Amino acid sequence: MNSLIKYFLKKILLITLLTPLFCCSQKPVFGIKLGLALSNSTIEYANPGNDNSSKPSTRTGVLGGVYVDIPAAKKLIMRPGVEVVTKGAVLNEYGYRDHYSLRFTYVDFPINILYKANFIKGHLLAGGGPSIGVPIKEPYSTYQLKTEFGINGLIGYEIPIGLSLNLNYNHGLSNASKSNDYVKKISNHYLGITVGYSF
């Protein structure tokens, strides 16, 4: 998996560097967005007996960041971005009513290729691409994190003044857990609901 991640990282960097060379004459458009992340993490424990001791459920976190729309063709744009997102899950330990929330704070770097089409009095955006997530906080010694690779899908609607409503789904493909004696694998995934503004 590490060799696969390195391969995709090189491809992402190459695409990012070459895309501006083939852009249209239109100027890049910068934007910001803020909203919620409905996340759930699949956790695989090193001891199989622990798999039934916790039942992860969805937790609500914060998603915010900046992006730039780079015209790549007549109706295609490349949208790299930087986002802070709280991932994780809510655990119900040992079947009791007590719950506690696992909050994994990441800086994500999605690179989306989007199709932009006229729709009613605005623009419809749809597409996706790869993403890299870098953990910036490890509040739990048991759940130690590392950089993860994932894939992102996005659909949104933007009105002429620059406001947009966006839905995106991010699915982690690599193991986000560092090797330890307790947690064998963590897979993060979340649904993002954000309001954006391009200027």
Protein backbone atom coordinates (compact mmCIF):
# COMPACT_ATOMS: atom_id res chain seq x y z
CA MET A 1 0.00 0.00 0.00
CA ASN A 2 2.88 2.41 0.74
CA SER A 3 4.29 1.98 -2.77
CA LEU A 4 0.82 2.60 -4.23
CA ILE A 5 0.46 5.80 -2.20
CA LYS A 6 3.87 7.05 -3.35
CA TYR A 7 2.92 6.30 -6.96
CA PHE A 8 -0.28 8.33 -6.71
CA LEU A 9 1.49 11.16 -4.88
CA LYS A 10 3.89 11.52 -7.79
CA LYS A 11 1.03 11.50 -10.29
CA ILE A 12 -0.91 14.11 -8.31
CA LEU A 13 2.14 16.38 -8.16
CA LEU A 14 2.78 15.96 -11.89
CA ILE A 15 -0.84 16.79 -12.78
CA THR A 16 -0.80 19.81 -10.48
CA LEU A 17 2.35 21.20 -12.07
CA LEU A 18 1.30 20.57 -15.69
CA THR A 19 -2.34 21.64 -15.57
CA PRO A 20 -1.66 25.42 -15.58
CA LEU A 21 0.28 25.00 -18.83
CA PHE A 22 -2.89 23.84 -20.58
CA CYS A 23 -5.33 26.24 -18.95
CA CYS A 24 -7.59 28.55 -20.84
CA SER A 25 -6.99 32.30 -20.86
CA GLN A 26 -9.45 32.70 -17.97
CA LYS A 27 -7.99 33.66 -14.62
CA PRO A 28 -8.08 31.29 -11.63
CA VAL A 29 -10.92 31.87 -9.15
CA PHE A 30 -10.30 31.60 -5.42
CA GLY A 31 -12.86 30.48 -2.90
CA ILE A 32 -13.58 29.59 0.70
CA LYS A 33 -16.03 27.13 2.22
CA LEU A 34 -17.35 26.17 5.62
CA GLY A 35 -19.75 23.53 6.85
CA LEU A 36 -20.20 20.17 8.53
CA ALA A 37 -18.54 16.79 8.16
CA LEU A 38 -20.63 13.71 9.00
CA SER A 39 -17.88 11.18 9.60
CA ASN A 40 -17.57 7.54 10.49
CA SER A 41 -14.38 5.52 10.85
CA THR A 42 -14.07 1.79 10.34
CA ILE A 43 -11.78 0.44 13.05
CA GLU A 44 -10.11 -2.95 12.93
CA TYR A 45 -8.51 -4.06 16.17
CA ALA A 46 -5.37 -6.15 16.49
CA ASN A 47 -7.19 -8.49 18.86
CA PRO A 48 -10.21 -9.90 16.98
CA GLY A 49 -12.04 -10.22 20.27
CA ASN A 50 -12.26 -6.43 20.47
CA ASP A 51 -14.20 -6.07 17.20
CA ASN A 52 -17.51 -6.56 18.97
CA SER A 53 -16.68 -4.37 21.95
CA SER A 54 -17.32 -1.08 20.13
CA LYS A 55 -19.84 -0.01 17.51
CA PRO A 56 -18.77 3.11 15.63
CA SER A 57 -21.52 5.48 14.60
CA THR A 58 -21.59 8.82 12.80
CA ARG A 59 -20.23 11.93 14.49
CA THR A 60 -20.68 15.54 13.39
CA GLY A 61 -17.60 17.68 12.94
CA VAL A 62 -16.40 20.83 11.21
CA LEU A 63 -15.19 21.17 7.64
CA GLY A 64 -13.64 24.37 6.31
CA GLY A 65 -11.02 25.42 3.84
CA VAL A 66 -9.92 27.27 0.74
CA TYR A 67 -9.73 26.28 -2.92
CA VAL A 68 -8.79 27.61 -6.33
CA ASP A 69 -10.63 26.91 -9.60
CA ILE A 70 -8.19 26.63 -12.49
CA PRO A 71 -9.83 26.46 -15.95
CA ALA A 72 -8.54 23.35 -17.71
CA ALA A 73 -10.93 23.26 -20.70
CA LYS A 74 -14.13 24.92 -21.84
CA LYS A 75 -16.28 23.23 -19.18
CA LEU A 76 -13.66 21.59 -17.01
CA ILE A 77 -11.93 23.09 -14.02
CA MET A 78 -9.26 21.77 -11.72
CA ARG A 79 -9.95 22.52 -8.07
CA PRO A 80 -7.09 21.87 -5.64
CA GLY A 81 -7.85 22.80 -2.07
CA VAL A 82 -6.72 22.79 1.54
CA GLU A 83 -9.27 21.79 4.16
CA VAL A 84 -9.34 21.27 7.91
CA VAL A 85 -11.77 18.48 8.75
CA THR A 86 -12.61 16.60 11.93
CA LYS A 87 -13.03 12.92 11.18
CA GLY A 88 -13.63 10.00 13.53
CA ALA A 89 -16.66 8.28 15.02
CA VAL A 90 -18.79 7.87 18.11
CA LEU A 91 -18.07 4.63 19.98
CA ASN A 92 -20.51 2.68 22.08
CA GLU A 93 -18.17 0.74 24.32
CA TYR A 94 -19.05 -2.71 25.55
CA GLY A 95 -22.74 -2.33 24.80
CA TYR A 96 -23.36 0.25 27.53
CA ARG A 97 -25.24 3.49 27.07
CA ASP A 98 -22.08 5.50 27.56
CA HIS A 99 -20.66 6.91 24.35
CA TYR A 100 -17.52 8.80 23.62
CA SER A 101 -16.44 10.58 20.51
CA LEU A 102 -13.21 9.93 18.65
CA ARG A 103 -12.15 13.15 16.95
CA PHE A 104 -9.37 12.93 14.39
CA THR A 105 -8.32 16.36 13.10
CA TYR A 106 -6.87 16.30 9.59
CA VAL A 107 -5.66 18.73 6.97
CA ASP A 108 -6.90 17.34 3.66
CA PHE A 109 -5.52 18.22 0.24
CA PRO A 110 -8.16 17.26 -2.36
CA ILE A 111 -7.53 17.73 -6.08
CA ASN A 112 -10.84 17.57 -7.92
CA ILE A 113 -11.52 17.66 -11.64
CA LEU A 114 -14.98 19.20 -12.04
CA TYR A 115 -17.40 19.53 -14.93
CA LYS A 116 -19.11 22.92 -14.87
CA ALA A 117 -22.43 23.21 -16.72
CA ASN A 118 -25.02 25.96 -16.96
CA PHE A 119 -28.10 25.03 -14.92
CA ILE A 120 -31.16 27.25 -14.47
CA LYS A 121 -29.63 30.57 -13.27
CA GLY A 122 -26.32 29.21 -12.08
CA HIS A 123 -23.76 26.47 -12.58
CA LEU A 124 -23.83 22.80 -11.69
CA LEU A 125 -20.50 21.33 -10.59
CA ALA A 126 -19.76 17.62 -10.48
CA GLY A 127 -16.62 15.52 -10.36
CA GLY A 128 -13.97 14.22 -8.05
CA GLY A 129 -10.38 13.21 -7.60
CA PRO A 130 -7.73 12.02 -5.15
CA SER A 131 -7.04 13.47 -1.72
CA ILE A 132 -4.28 13.31 0.85
CA GLY A 133 -5.02 13.67 4.56
CA VAL A 134 -2.38 14.70 7.10
CA PRO A 135 -3.25 14.35 10.82
CA ILE A 136 -2.47 17.42 12.92
CA LYS A 137 -3.68 16.24 16.30
CA GLU A 138 -3.48 12.90 18.12
CA PRO A 139 -5.47 13.22 21.37
CA TYR A 140 -5.72 9.46 21.85
CA SER A 141 -2.62 7.33 22.49
CA THR A 142 -4.56 4.22 21.48
CA TYR A 143 -5.61 5.59 18.10
CA GLN A 144 -2.36 6.86 16.60
CA LEU A 145 -2.71 8.31 13.12
CA LYS A 146 -0.64 8.70 9.98
CA THR A 147 -1.06 10.29 6.56
CA GLU A 148 -3.85 8.71 4.52
CA PHE A 149 -4.75 8.57 0.86
CA GLY A 150 -8.36 8.73 -0.29
CA ILE A 151 -10.73 9.60 -3.08
CA ASN A 152 -13.19 12.46 -3.11
CA GLY A 153 -16.44 13.07 -5.00
CA LEU A 154 -18.20 16.42 -5.19
CA ILE A 155 -21.45 17.88 -6.51
CA GLY A 156 -22.49 21.48 -6.06
CA TYR A 157 -24.57 24.36 -7.34
CA GLU A 158 -23.20 27.89 -7.70
CA ILE A 159 -25.17 31.08 -8.34
CA PRO A 160 -23.71 34.04 -10.30
CA ILE A 161 -22.73 36.08 -7.22
CA GLY A 162 -20.33 33.30 -6.20
CA LEU A 163 -22.29 31.54 -3.45
CA SER A 164 -22.51 27.76 -3.68
CA LEU A 165 -23.92 24.77 -1.85
CA ASN A 166 -21.70 21.69 -2.01
CA LEU A 167 -21.89 18.03 -1.08
CA ASN A 168 -18.77 15.91 -1.09
CA TYR A 169 -17.97 12.38 -0.03
CA ASN A 170 -14.44 11.42 0.96
CA HIS A 171 -13.47 7.77 1.34
CA GLY A 172 -10.12 6.76 2.81
CA LEU A 173 -8.37 4.04 0.81
CA SER A 174 -5.24 3.57 2.91
CA ASN A 175 -4.73 2.57 6.53
CA ALA A 176 -4.70 5.71 8.69
CA SER A 177 -3.48 3.87 11.80
CA LYS A 178 0.12 3.60 12.86
CA SER A 179 1.15 0.08 13.81
CA ASN A 180 0.46 -0.69 17.43
CA ASP A 181 -0.69 -3.52 19.65
CA TYR A 182 -4.30 -2.38 19.85
CA VAL A 183 -5.56 -0.87 16.59
CA LYS A 184 -4.63 -2.61 13.36
CA LYS A 185 -6.45 -0.45 10.83
CA ILE A 186 -8.48 2.77 10.63
CA SER A 187 -10.41 3.78 7.52
CA ASN A 188 -11.88 7.27 7.57
CA HIS A 189 -14.82 8.42 5.47
CA TYR A 190 -17.16 11.37 5.70
CA LEU A 191 -19.93 13.31 3.99
CA GLY A 192 -19.28 17.04 3.78
CA ILE A 193 -22.03 19.68 3.53
CA THR A 194 -20.60 23.14 2.92
CA VAL A 195 -21.45 26.64 1.77
CA GLY A 196 -18.82 28.20 -0.47
CA TYR A 197 -18.02 31.62 -1.85
CA SER A 198 -15.88 32.25 -4.93
CA PHE A 199 -14.34 35.64 -5.59
